[in-house]
N, C-alpha and C. Protein backbone atom coordinates (compact mmCIF):
# COMPACT_ATOMS: atom_id res chain seq x y z
N MET A 1 81.45 105.67 128.96
CA MET A 1 81.26 106.73 127.96
C MET A 1 82.60 107.19 127.39
N GLN A 2 83.54 107.47 128.28
CA GLN A 2 84.88 107.90 127.85
C GLN A 2 85.54 106.81 127.00
N GLN A 3 85.36 105.57 127.43
CA GLN A 3 85.96 104.43 126.73
C GLN A 3 85.40 104.32 125.31
N GLN A 4 84.11 104.58 125.16
CA GLN A 4 83.48 104.53 123.83
C GLN A 4 84.07 105.60 122.91
N ARG A 5 84.29 106.79 123.46
CA ARG A 5 84.86 107.88 122.66
C ARG A 5 86.29 107.54 122.24
N ILE A 6 87.05 106.97 123.16
CA ILE A 6 88.42 106.57 122.83
C ILE A 6 88.41 105.51 121.74
N SER A 7 87.53 104.54 121.87
CA SER A 7 87.41 103.48 120.85
C SER A 7 87.04 104.07 119.50
N LYS A 8 86.09 105.01 119.51
CA LYS A 8 85.65 105.63 118.26
C LYS A 8 86.80 106.42 117.62
N LEU A 9 87.56 107.15 118.44
CA LEU A 9 88.70 107.92 117.93
C LEU A 9 89.78 107.00 117.35
N ARG A 10 90.01 105.89 118.02
CA ARG A 10 91.01 104.92 117.51
C ARG A 10 90.55 104.34 116.18
N GLU A 11 89.26 104.07 116.09
CA GLU A 11 88.68 103.55 114.85
C GLU A 11 88.89 104.54 113.71
N MET A 12 88.62 105.82 113.99
CA MET A 12 88.79 106.86 112.98
C MET A 12 90.26 106.99 112.59
N GLN A 13 91.15 106.93 113.58
CA GLN A 13 92.58 107.04 113.30
C GLN A 13 93.05 105.88 112.43
N ASN A 14 92.61 104.68 112.74
CA ASN A 14 92.97 103.51 111.93
C ASN A 14 92.47 103.65 110.50
N GLY A 15 91.25 104.18 110.35
CA GLY A 15 90.69 104.40 109.02
C GLY A 15 91.52 105.39 108.24
N LEU A 16 91.94 106.48 108.89
CA LEU A 16 92.76 107.50 108.21
C LEU A 16 94.13 106.94 107.84
N THR A 17 94.71 106.14 108.74
CA THR A 17 96.01 105.53 108.47
C THR A 17 95.92 104.60 107.25
N GLN A 18 94.86 103.81 107.21
CA GLN A 18 94.67 102.90 106.08
C GLN A 18 94.46 103.68 104.79
N GLN A 19 93.66 104.75 104.88
CA GLN A 19 93.41 105.58 103.70
C GLN A 19 94.71 106.21 103.21
N HIS A 20 95.54 106.68 104.14
CA HIS A 20 96.83 107.27 103.77
C HIS A 20 97.72 106.23 103.11
N SER A 21 97.75 105.02 103.65
CA SER A 21 98.56 103.94 103.08
C SER A 21 98.12 103.63 101.65
N GLU A 22 96.81 103.61 101.44
CA GLU A 22 96.29 103.33 100.09
C GLU A 22 96.67 104.45 99.13
N GLN A 23 96.58 105.70 99.59
CA GLN A 23 96.96 106.83 98.74
C GLN A 23 98.45 106.78 98.42
N GLN A 24 99.27 106.44 99.42
CA GLN A 24 100.72 106.33 99.21
C GLN A 24 101.01 105.22 98.20
N TYR A 25 100.29 104.11 98.32
CA TYR A 25 100.45 103.00 97.38
C TYR A 25 100.12 103.45 95.96
N GLN A 26 99.01 104.17 95.80
CA GLN A 26 98.63 104.66 94.47
C GLN A 26 99.68 105.61 93.90
N LEU A 27 100.22 106.46 94.76
CA LEU A 27 101.25 107.40 94.32
C LEU A 27 102.52 106.66 93.91
N ASP A 28 102.94 105.69 94.73
CA ASP A 28 104.13 104.89 94.40
C ASP A 28 103.92 104.15 93.08
N LEU A 29 102.74 103.60 92.90
CA LEU A 29 102.43 102.87 91.67
C LEU A 29 102.50 103.79 90.46
N ALA A 30 101.91 104.98 90.59
CA ALA A 30 101.94 105.94 89.49
C ALA A 30 103.37 106.35 89.16
N ASN A 31 104.20 106.54 90.18
CA ASN A 31 105.61 106.90 89.95
C ASN A 31 106.36 105.77 89.25
N LEU A 32 106.11 104.54 89.67
CA LEU A 32 106.77 103.40 89.03
C LEU A 32 106.32 103.24 87.58
N GLU A 33 105.03 103.46 87.32
CA GLU A 33 104.54 103.36 85.95
C GLU A 33 105.17 104.44 85.07
N GLN A 34 105.33 105.64 85.62
CA GLN A 34 105.97 106.72 84.87
C GLN A 34 107.43 106.38 84.58
N LYS A 35 108.13 105.86 85.59
CA LYS A 35 109.54 105.47 85.41
C LYS A 35 109.64 104.36 84.35
N ASN A 36 108.70 103.43 84.38
CA ASN A 36 108.68 102.35 83.40
C ASN A 36 108.52 102.89 81.98
N ARG A 37 107.59 103.84 81.80
CA ARG A 37 107.39 104.44 80.47
C ARG A 37 108.67 105.16 80.02
N GLN A 38 109.31 105.85 80.95
CA GLN A 38 110.54 106.58 80.62
C GLN A 38 111.64 105.61 80.19
N LEU A 39 111.79 104.51 80.92
CA LEU A 39 112.81 103.52 80.57
C LEU A 39 112.51 102.84 79.24
N GLN A 40 111.23 102.56 78.99
CA GLN A 40 110.85 101.96 77.70
C GLN A 40 111.16 102.90 76.55
N PHE A 41 110.91 104.19 76.77
CA PHE A 41 111.22 105.19 75.75
C PHE A 41 112.72 105.23 75.48
N GLU A 42 113.52 105.23 76.56
CA GLU A 42 114.98 105.26 76.41
C GLU A 42 115.47 104.00 75.69
N LEU A 43 114.87 102.87 75.99
CA LEU A 43 115.24 101.62 75.33
C LEU A 43 114.95 101.69 73.83
N GLU A 44 113.77 102.20 73.48
CA GLU A 44 113.42 102.34 72.07
C GLU A 44 114.39 103.29 71.36
N LEU A 45 114.78 104.34 72.04
CA LEU A 45 115.74 105.29 71.48
C LEU A 45 117.08 104.59 71.19
N GLU A 46 117.54 103.79 72.15
CA GLU A 46 118.80 103.05 71.96
C GLU A 46 118.68 102.06 70.81
N LYS A 47 117.54 101.40 70.69
CA LYS A 47 117.32 100.47 69.58
C LYS A 47 117.41 101.20 68.25
N MET A 48 116.84 102.41 68.20
CA MET A 48 116.89 103.20 66.97
C MET A 48 118.34 103.58 66.64
N LYS A 49 119.11 103.92 67.65
CA LYS A 49 120.52 104.27 67.42
C LYS A 49 121.29 103.07 66.86
N VAL A 50 121.03 101.90 67.42
CA VAL A 50 121.69 100.68 66.94
C VAL A 50 121.28 100.41 65.50
N GLN A 51 120.00 100.53 65.22
CA GLN A 51 119.50 100.31 63.85
C GLN A 51 120.15 101.30 62.89
N SER A 52 120.30 102.54 63.31
CA SER A 52 120.92 103.56 62.49
C SER A 52 122.38 103.19 62.17
N CYS A 53 123.07 102.70 63.18
CA CYS A 53 124.47 102.29 62.96
C CYS A 53 124.55 101.10 62.02
N LYS A 54 123.62 100.16 62.16
CA LYS A 54 123.60 98.99 61.27
C LYS A 54 123.41 99.42 59.83
N ILE A 55 122.51 100.37 59.62
CA ILE A 55 122.25 100.86 58.26
C ILE A 55 123.47 101.61 57.73
N LYS A 56 124.05 102.44 58.59
CA LYS A 56 125.20 103.25 58.18
C LYS A 56 126.39 102.38 57.76
N TYR A 57 126.62 101.29 58.49
CA TYR A 57 127.81 100.47 58.23
C TYR A 57 127.48 99.17 57.50
N ALA A 58 126.30 99.08 56.91
CA ALA A 58 125.91 97.86 56.21
C ALA A 58 126.62 97.76 54.87
């Protein structure tokens, strides 16, 4: 009986650990996607600056 309860608790703990890992993965992914959008925005801004200089000195 005690062994069954221990097994059940371990099962629940493993499930929670896996759930936490999946949530952490989703959070990391969302952070990376946000960083990617930020870098793409900065890149576009730099391209616009270069284009502006090309026009200015053409």
